[in-house]
Amino acid sequence: MNVRRSLAIAGLLLLVVGTYMGLFVAPPERHMGEVQRIMYVHVPSAWNAMLLYTFAFGFAIASLWSGKPEWDDRLVGAVEVAVVLNALLLVQGSIWGRATWGVWWDWDVRLTTSLVMLLLFAGVLTLRRMASAERRAQWSAVATIVAFVDVPLVYYCVRWWRSLHQIQSSPETVDPAMVIPLRLNAIGILLLGVAWLMARAAIEKARRRRDEAPLPSRVIVKETAHA
């Protein structure tokens, strides 16, 4: 069994166990009640989206520094997986917000910066498709570095500005019965994300090699005259 498949299976198992514990073992939150249980997918989605964007930022620097195409392959994998998690984060947050705030969306600083983060990195992928093969890696790396500026803002904005969104909790302020499923799901999504990153990088590598392969020489068939 290859590493990618092993990571995916391990991640899926952890996600199943963590979700079960979050739904049926962990106690309901004192004020929000059962609605709080969406936290067990919402928070891990947020953590891993920002973590994978950070991976992409590192891959972008490595790509510019070394010029090796392998880093560009990993960059596109990290950005695409993170964009999916970022979109899920916003959908989950809207559902949670509707149940707790009474609205599907509010231009709160955390929600706004998270939406901007999604749009910036979706822009990276769009720019990548528009760039020529010779410029694709360089443009993608530069655009990723620029887009990453928003990632720390998403994390720290609730501390720097007034927000409807709560400040980050810690294991000391959360019931241990809630911490365990939260961590299991976070690790599970991370392992799945890395497996998907590796799969997407492998696809990009194969496509790049196909594009770089020389065209087959034409074979000219001469018809022979029949007597």
C-alpha atoms as a PDB file:
ATOM      1  CA  MET A   1       0.000   0.000   0.000  1.00  0.00           C
ATOM      2  CA  ASN A   2       1.518   3.336  -1.020  1.00  0.00           C
ATOM      3  CA  VAL A   3       1.951   6.286   1.318  1.00  0.00           C
ATOM      4  CA  ARG A   4      -0.789   8.357  -0.273  1.00  0.00           C
ATOM      5  CA  ARG A   5      -3.412   5.653   0.146  1.00  0.00           C
ATOM      6  CA  SER A   6      -2.288   4.944   3.705  1.00  0.00           C
ATOM      7  CA  LEU A   7      -2.658   8.624   4.627  1.00  0.00           C
ATOM      8  CA  ALA A   8      -6.106   8.787   3.057  1.00  0.00           C
ATOM      9  CA  ILE A   9      -7.353   5.678   4.866  1.00  0.00           C
ATOM     10  CA  ALA A  10      -5.918   6.798   8.211  1.00  0.00           C
ATOM     11  CA  GLY A  11      -7.409  10.262   7.756  1.00  0.00           C
ATOM     12  CA  LEU A  12     -10.825   8.889   6.860  1.00  0.00           C
ATOM     13  CA  LEU A  13     -10.853   6.572   9.890  1.00  0.00           C
ATOM     14  CA  LEU A  14      -9.894   9.403  12.244  1.00  0.00           C
ATOM     15  CA  LEU A  15     -12.565  11.622  10.696  1.00  0.00           C
ATOM     16  CA  VAL A  16     -15.240   8.958  11.166  1.00  0.00           C
ATOM     17  CA  VAL A  17     -14.254   8.323  14.784  1.00  0.00           C
ATOM     18  CA  GLY A  18     -13.915  12.027  15.595  1.00  0.00           C
ATOM     19  CA  THR A  19     -17.260  12.872  14.016  1.00  0.00           C
ATOM     20  CA  TYR A  20     -19.002  10.049  15.885  1.00  0.00           C
ATOM     21  CA  MET A  21     -17.540  11.255  19.175  1.00  0.00           C
ATOM     22  CA  GLY A  22     -18.466  14.836  18.391  1.00  0.00           C
ATOM     23  CA  LEU A  23     -22.071  13.901  17.597  1.00  0.00           C
ATOM     24  CA  PHE A  24     -22.790  11.240  20.199  1.00  0.00           C
ATOM     25  CA  VAL A  25     -20.159  11.304  22.968  1.00  0.00           C
ATOM     26  CA  ALA A  26     -19.189  14.940  23.570  1.00  0.00           C
ATOM     27  CA  PRO A  27     -21.639  16.966  25.675  1.00  0.00           C
ATOM     28  CA  PRO A  28     -23.670  19.822  24.159  1.00  0.00           C
ATOM     29  CA  GLU A  29     -22.321  23.321  24.686  1.00  0.00           C
ATOM     30  CA  ARG A  30     -23.849  25.198  27.646  1.00  0.00           C
ATOM     31  CA  HIS A  31     -25.245  28.141  25.661  1.00  0.00           C
ATOM     32  CA  MET A  32     -25.563  26.932  22.054  1.00  0.00           C
ATOM     33  CA  GLY A  33     -26.671  23.393  22.803  1.00  0.00           C
ATOM     34  CA  GLU A  34     -26.638  20.850  19.976  1.00  0.00           C
ATOM     35  CA  VAL A  35     -25.899  23.491  17.311  1.00  0.00           C
ATOM     36  CA  GLN A  36     -22.333  23.701  18.626  1.00  0.00           C
ATOM     37  CA  ARG A  37     -21.567  20.227  17.251  1.00  0.00           C
ATOM     38  CA  ILE A  38     -20.863  21.696  13.817  1.00  0.00           C
ATOM     39  CA  MET A  39     -17.645  22.926  15.459  1.00  0.00           C
ATOM     40  CA  TYR A  40     -16.116  19.471  14.997  1.00  0.00           C
ATOM     41  CA  VAL A  41     -15.944  19.963  11.223  1.00  0.00           C
ATOM     42  CA  HIS A  42     -15.949  23.756  11.030  1.00  0.00           C
ATOM     43  CA  VAL A  43     -12.887  24.438  13.179  1.00  0.00           C
ATOM     44  CA  PRO A  44     -10.737  21.625  11.654  1.00  0.00           C
ATOM     45  CA  SER A  45     -11.670  22.903   8.183  1.00  0.00           C
ATOM     46  CA  ALA A  46     -10.456  26.372   9.168  1.00  0.00           C
ATOM     47  CA  TRP A  47      -7.248  25.106  10.753  1.00  0.00           C
ATOM     48  CA  ASN A  48      -6.325  22.934   7.801  1.00  0.00           C
ATOM     49  CA  ALA A  49      -7.271  25.485   5.154  1.00  0.00           C
ATOM     50  CA  MET A  50      -4.843  27.964   6.717  1.00  0.00           C
ATOM     51  CA  LEU A  51      -2.224  25.255   7.262  1.00  0.00           C
ATOM     52  CA  LEU A  52      -2.359  24.161   3.623  1.00  0.00           C
ATOM     53  CA  TYR A  53      -2.169  27.778   2.491  1.00  0.00           C
ATOM     54  CA  THR A  54       0.961  27.993   4.638  1.00  0.00           C
ATOM     55  CA  PHE A  55       2.317  24.896   2.902  1.00  0.00           C
ATOM     56  CA  ALA A  56       1.606  26.587  -0.445  1.00  0.00           C
ATOM     57  CA  PHE A  57       3.452  29.697   0.750  1.00  0.00           C
ATOM     58  CA  GLY A  58       6.493  27.563   1.586  1.00  0.00           C
ATOM     59  CA  PHE A  59       6.273  25.748  -1.739  1.00  0.00           C
ATOM     60  CA  ALA A  60       6.079  29.107  -3.540  1.00  0.00           C
ATOM     61  CA  ILE A  61       9.286  30.326  -1.903  1.00  0.00           C
ATOM     62  CA  ALA A  62      11.015  27.016  -2.679  1.00  0.00           C
ATOM     63  CA  SER A  63       9.805  27.195  -6.286  1.00  0.00           C
ATOM     64  CA  LEU A  64      11.183  30.701  -6.804  1.00  0.00           C
ATOM     65  CA  TRP A  65      14.407  29.911  -4.969  1.00  0.00           C
ATOM     66  CA  SER A  66      15.241  26.605  -6.651  1.00  0.00           C
ATOM     67  CA  GLY A  67      13.354  26.784  -9.926  1.00  0.00           C
ATOM     68  CA  LYS A  68      12.549  23.080  -9.562  1.00  0.00           C
ATOM     69  CA  PRO A  69       9.151  22.155 -11.051  1.00  0.00           C
ATOM     70  CA  GLU A  70       8.410  19.684  -8.229  1.00  0.00           C
ATOM     71  CA  TRP A  71       7.729  22.600  -5.873  1.00  0.00           C
ATOM     72  CA  ASP A  72       5.261  24.093  -8.339  1.00  0.00           C
ATOM     73  CA  ASP A  73       3.469  20.730  -8.541  1.00  0.00           C
ATOM     74  CA  ARG A  74       3.076  20.719  -4.765  1.00  0.00           C
ATOM     75  CA  LEU A  75       2.039  24.365  -4.727  1.00  0.00           C
ATOM     76  CA  VAL A  76      -0.955  23.816  -7.003  1.00  0.00           C
ATOM     77  CA  GLY A  77      -1.959  20.746  -4.979  1.00  0.00           C
ATOM     78  CA  ALA A  78      -1.837  22.653  -1.692  1.00  0.00           C
ATOM     79  CA  VAL A  79      -3.759  25.648  -3.047  1.00  0.00           C
ATOM     80  CA  GLU A  80      -6.515  23.559  -4.633  1.00  0.00           C
ATOM     81  CA  VAL A  81      -7.107  21.469  -1.492  1.00  0.00           C
ATOM     82  CA  ALA A  82      -7.024  24.580   0.704  1.00  0.00           C
ATOM     83  CA  VAL A  83      -9.534  26.376  -1.539  1.00  0.00           C
ATOM     84  CA  VAL A  84     -11.961  23.463  -1.143  1.00  0.00           C
ATOM     85  CA  LEU A  85     -11.564  23.551   2.657  1.00  0.00           C
ATOM     86  CA  ASN A  86     -11.899  27.344   2.609  1.00  0.00           C
ATOM     87  CA  ALA A  87     -15.201  27.063   0.726  1.00  0.00           C
ATOM     88  CA  LEU A  88     -16.446  24.420   3.175  1.00  0.00           C
ATOM     89  CA  LEU A  89     -15.390  26.681   6.029  1.00  0.00           C
ATOM     90  CA  LEU A  90     -17.587  29.506   4.736  1.00  0.00           C
ATOM     91  CA  VAL A  91     -20.578  27.222   4.125  1.00  0.00           C
ATOM     92  CA  GLN A  92     -20.288  25.657   7.577  1.00  0.00           C
ATOM     93  CA  GLY A  93     -19.849  29.064   9.171  1.00  0.00           C
ATOM     94  CA  SER A  94     -22.978  30.361   7.432  1.00  0.00           C
ATOM     95  CA  ILE A  95     -25.011  27.435   8.759  1.00  0.00           C
ATOM     96  CA  TRP A  96     -23.660  28.000  12.266  1.00  0.00           C
ATOM     97  CA  GLY A  97     -24.223  31.747  12.001  1.00  0.00           C
ATOM     98  CA  ARG A  98     -27.836  31.268  10.927  1.00  0.00           C
ATOM     99  CA  ALA A  99     -28.485  29.134  14.006  1.00  0.00           C
ATOM    100  CA  THR A 100     -26.661  31.380  16.502  1.00  0.00           C
ATOM    101  CA  TRP A 101     -26.703  34.913  15.056  1.00  0.00           C
ATOM    102  CA  GLY A 102     -29.965  34.634  13.130  1.00  0.00           C
ATOM    103  CA  VAL A 103     -28.393  35.505   9.751  1.00  0.00           C
ATOM    104  CA  TRP A 104     -26.660  33.469   7.047  1.00  0.00           C
ATOM    105  CA  TRP A 105     -24.000  36.120   6.511  1.00  0.00           C
ATOM    106  CA  ASP A 106     -22.630  39.172   8.253  1.00  0.00           C
ATOM    107  CA  TRP A 107     -19.767  41.375   7.101  1.00  0.00           C
ATOM    108  CA  ASP A 108     -17.943  40.561  10.297  1.00  0.00           C
ATOM    109  CA  VAL A 109     -14.162  40.914  10.131  1.00  0.00           C
ATOM    110  CA  ARG A 110     -13.524  37.161  10.441  1.00  0.00           C
ATOM    111  CA  LEU A 111     -16.086  36.255   7.791  1.00  0.00           C
ATOM    112  CA  THR A 112     -14.941  39.002   5.439  1.00  0.00           C
ATOM    113  CA  THR A 113     -11.239  38.154   5.651  1.00  0.00           C
ATOM    114  CA  SER A 114     -12.067  34.454   5.173  1.00  0.00           C
ATOM    115  CA  LEU A 115     -14.036  35.281   2.021  1.00  0.00           C
ATOM    116  CA  VAL A 116     -11.194  37.478   0.758  1.00  0.00           C
ATOM    117  CA  MET A 117      -8.794  34.599   1.436  1.00  0.00           C
ATOM    118  CA  LEU A 118     -10.903  32.291  -0.743  1.00  0.00           C
ATOM    119  CA  LEU A 119     -11.117  34.847  -3.554  1.00  0.00           C
ATOM    120  CA  LEU A 120      -7.374  35.568  -3.472  1.00  0.00           C
ATOM    121  CA  PHE A 121      -6.345  31.943  -3.780  1.00  0.00           C
ATOM    122  CA  ALA A 122      -9.047  31.219  -6.354  1.00  0.00           C
ATOM    123  CA  GLY A 123      -7.406  34.095  -8.214  1.00  0.00           C
ATOM    124  CA  VAL A 124      -4.072  32.283  -7.982  1.00  0.00           C
ATOM    125  CA  LEU A 125      -5.609  29.266  -9.732  1.00  0.00           C
ATOM    126  CA  THR A 126      -7.245  31.483 -12.358  1.00  0.00           C
ATOM    127  CA  LEU A 127      -3.990  33.314 -13.046  1.00  0.00           C
ATOM    128  CA  ARG A 128      -2.242  29.979 -13.324  1.00  0.00           C
ATOM    129  CA  ARG A 129      -4.612  28.846 -16.065  1.00  0.00           C
ATOM    130  CA  MET A 130      -4.053  32.093 -17.976  1.00  0.00           C
ATOM    131  CA  ALA A 131      -0.254  32.009 -17.783  1.00  0.00           C
ATOM    132  CA  SER A 132       1.921  30.454 -20.441  1.00  0.00           C
ATOM    133  CA  ALA A 133       3.744  27.228 -19.644  1.00  0.00           C
ATOM    134  CA  GLU A 134       7.037  29.129 -19.343  1.00  0.00           C
ATOM    135  CA  ARG A 135       5.628  31.656 -16.835  1.00  0.00           C
ATOM    136  CA  ARG A 136       3.128  29.466 -14.972  1.00  0.00           C
ATOM    137  CA  ALA A 137       5.337  28.426 -12.066  1.00  0.00           C
ATOM    138  CA  GLN A 138       6.771  31.891 -11.486  1.00  0.00           C
ATOM    139  CA  TRP A 139       3.422  33.675 -11.660  1.00  0.00           C
ATOM    140  CA  SER A 140       1.775  31.095  -9.409  1.00  0.00           C
ATOM    141  CA  ALA A 141       4.520  31.421  -6.804  1.00  0.00           C
ATOM    142  CA  VAL A 142       4.425  35.234  -6.735  1.00  0.00           C
ATOM    143  CA  ALA A 143       0.612  35.302  -6.607  1.00  0.00           C
ATOM    144  CA  THR A 144       0.602  32.760  -3.751  1.00  0.00           C
ATOM    145  CA  ILE A 145       3.031  34.838  -1.710  1.00  0.00           C
ATOM    146  CA  VAL A 146       0.895  37.946  -2.228  1.00  0.00           C
ATOM    147  CA  ALA A 147      -2.347  36.101  -1.379  1.00  0.00           C
ATOM    148  CA  PHE A 148      -0.819  34.629   1.782  1.00  0.00           C
ATOM    149  CA  VAL A 149      -0.777  38.099   3.369  1.00  0.00           C
ATOM    150  CA  ASP A 150      -4.451  37.563   4.207  1.00  0.00           C
ATOM    151  CA  VAL A 151      -3.898  34.275   6.095  1.00  0.00           C
ATOM    152  CA  PRO A 152      -2.438  35.842   9.278  1.00  0.00           C
ATOM    153  CA  LEU A 153      -5.195  38.456   9.110  1.00  0.00           C
ATOM    154  CA  VAL A 154      -7.835  35.719   9.205  1.00  0.00           C
ATOM    155  CA  TYR A 155      -6.235  34.158  12.261  1.00  0.00           C
ATOM    156  CA  TYR A 156      -5.506  37.306  14.282  1.00  0.00           C
ATOM    157  CA  CYS A 157      -8.375  39.575  13.206  1.00  0.00           C
ATOM    158  CA  VAL A 158     -10.599  38.550  16.137  1.00  0.00           C
ATOM    159  CA  ARG A 159      -7.859  39.721  18.498  1.00  0.00           C
ATOM    160  CA  TRP A 160      -7.078  42.951  16.655  1.00  0.00           C
ATOM    161  CA  TRP A 161     -10.631  44.155  15.932  1.00  0.00           C
ATOM    162  CA  ARG A 162     -14.094  43.801  17.405  1.00  0.00           C
ATOM    163  CA  SER A 163     -15.825  40.745  15.988  1.00  0.00           C
ATOM    164  CA  LEU A 164     -18.947  38.665  16.410  1.00  0.00           C
ATOM    165  CA  HIS A 165     -16.691  35.658  16.143  1.00  0.00           C
ATOM    166  CA  GLN A 166     -15.217  34.402  19.383  1.00  0.00           C
ATOM    167  CA  ILE A 167     -11.490  34.539  20.134  1.00  0.00           C
ATOM    168  CA  GLN A 168      -9.606  31.266  19.682  1.00  0.00           C
ATOM    169  CA  SER A 169     -10.149  28.792  22.500  1.00  0.00           C
ATOM    170  CA  SER A 170      -7.469  26.597  24.062  1.00  0.00           C
ATOM    171  CA  PRO A 171      -7.511  23.084  25.587  1.00  0.00           C
ATOM    172  CA  GLU A 172      -7.608  24.741  29.013  1.00  0.00           C
ATOM    173  CA  THR A 173     -10.887  26.523  28.207  1.00  0.00           C
ATOM    174  CA  VAL A 174     -12.657  23.621  26.454  1.00  0.00           C
ATOM    175  CA  ASP A 175     -14.148  20.467  27.968  1.00  0.00           C
ATOM    176  CA  PRO A 176     -11.731  17.528  27.395  1.00  0.00           C
ATOM    177  CA  ALA A 177     -14.638  15.542  25.929  1.00  0.00           C
ATOM    178  CA  MET A 178     -14.821  18.206  23.210  1.00  0.00           C
ATOM    179  CA  VAL A 179     -11.080  18.510  22.649  1.00  0.00           C
ATOM    180  CA  ILE A 180     -10.576  14.849  21.682  1.00  0.00           C
ATOM    181  CA  PRO A 181     -13.033  14.702  18.734  1.00  0.00           C
ATOM    182  CA  LEU A 182     -11.877  18.148  17.639  1.00  0.00           C
ATOM    183  CA  ARG A 183      -8.273  16.962  17.457  1.00  0.00           C
ATOM    184  CA  LEU A 184      -9.174  13.658  15.814  1.00  0.00           C
ATOM    185  CA  ASN A 185     -11.063  15.456  13.068  1.00  0.00           C
ATOM    186  CA  ALA A 186      -8.293  18.030  12.660  1.00  0.00           C
ATOM    187  CA  ILE A 187      -5.670  15.313  12.208  1.00  0.00           C
ATOM    188  CA  GLY A 188      -8.006  13.297   9.978  1.00  0.00           C
ATOM    189  CA  ILE A 189      -8.662  16.235   7.652  1.00  0.00           C
ATOM    190  CA  LEU A 190      -4.946  17.049   7.622  1.00  0.00           C
ATOM    191  CA  LEU A 191      -4.022  13.497   6.559  1.00  0.00           C
ATOM    192  CA  LEU A 192      -6.723  13.517   3.877  1.00  0.00           C
ATOM    193  CA  GLY A 193      -5.561  16.944   2.739  1.00  0.00           C
ATOM    194  CA  VAL A 194      -1.955  15.816   2.421  1.00  0.00           C
ATOM    195  CA  ALA A 195      -3.048  12.709   0.500  1.00  0.00           C
ATOM    196  CA  TRP A 196      -5.083  14.870  -1.904  1.00  0.00           C
ATOM    197  CA  LEU A 197      -2.165  17.300  -2.203  1.00  0.00           C
ATOM    198  CA  MET A 198       0.132  14.421  -3.184  1.00  0.00           C
ATOM    199  CA  ALA A 199      -2.414  13.092  -5.675  1.00  0.00           C
ATOM    200  CA  ARG A 200      -2.880  16.515  -7.273  1.00  0.00           C
ATOM    201  CA  ALA A 201       0.887  17.086  -7.426  1.00  0.00           C
ATOM    202  CA  ALA A 202       1.297  13.731  -9.174  1.00  0.00           C
ATOM    203  CA  ILE A 203      -1.356  14.715 -11.741  1.00  0.00           C
ATOM    204  CA  GLU A 204       0.377  18.049 -12.336  1.00  0.00           C
ATOM    205  CA  LYS A 205       3.737  16.330 -12.732  1.00  0.00           C
ATOM    206  CA  ALA A 206       2.333  13.894 -15.292  1.00  0.00           C
ATOM    207  CA  ARG A 207       0.688  16.737 -17.228  1.00  0.00           C
ATOM    208  CA  ARG A 208       3.897  18.768 -17.204  1.00  0.00           C
ATOM    209  CA  ARG A 209       5.911  15.826 -18.523  1.00  0.00           C
ATOM    210  CA  ARG A 210       3.332  15.238 -21.213  1.00  0.00           C
ATOM    211  CA  ASP A 211       3.498  18.887 -22.286  1.00  0.00           C
ATOM    212  CA  GLU A 212       7.299  18.821 -22.299  1.00  0.00           C
ATOM    213  CA  ALA A 213       7.531  15.590 -24.303  1.00  0.00           C
ATOM    214  CA  PRO A 214       8.684  16.097 -27.907  1.00  0.00           C
ATOM    215  CA  LEU A 215       6.093  15.594 -30.585  1.00  0.00           C
ATOM    216  CA  PRO A 216       6.410  12.237 -32.367  1.00  0.00           C
ATOM    217  CA  SER A 217       8.069  12.488 -35.733  1.00  0.00           C
ATOM    218  CA  ARG A 218       5.739  12.213 -38.649  1.00  0.00           C
ATOM    219  CA  VAL A 219       5.841   9.038 -40.626  1.00  0.00           C
ATOM    220  CA  ILE A 220       5.371   9.551 -44.302  1.00  0.00           C
ATOM    221  CA  VAL A 221       3.886   6.592 -46.023  1.00  0.00           C
ATOM    222  CA  LYS A 222       4.598   6.385 -49.705  1.00  0.00           C
ATOM    223  CA  GLU A 223       2.149   4.591 -51.818  1.00  0.00           C
ATOM    224  CA  THR A 224       3.673   2.192 -54.170  1.00  0.00           C
ATOM    225  CA  ALA A 225       2.358   2.079 -57.672  1.00  0.00           C
ATOM    226  CA  HIS A 226       0.720  -1.125 -58.698  1.00  0.00           C
ATOM    227  CA  ALA A 227       1.639  -2.566 -61.975  1.00  0.00           C
END
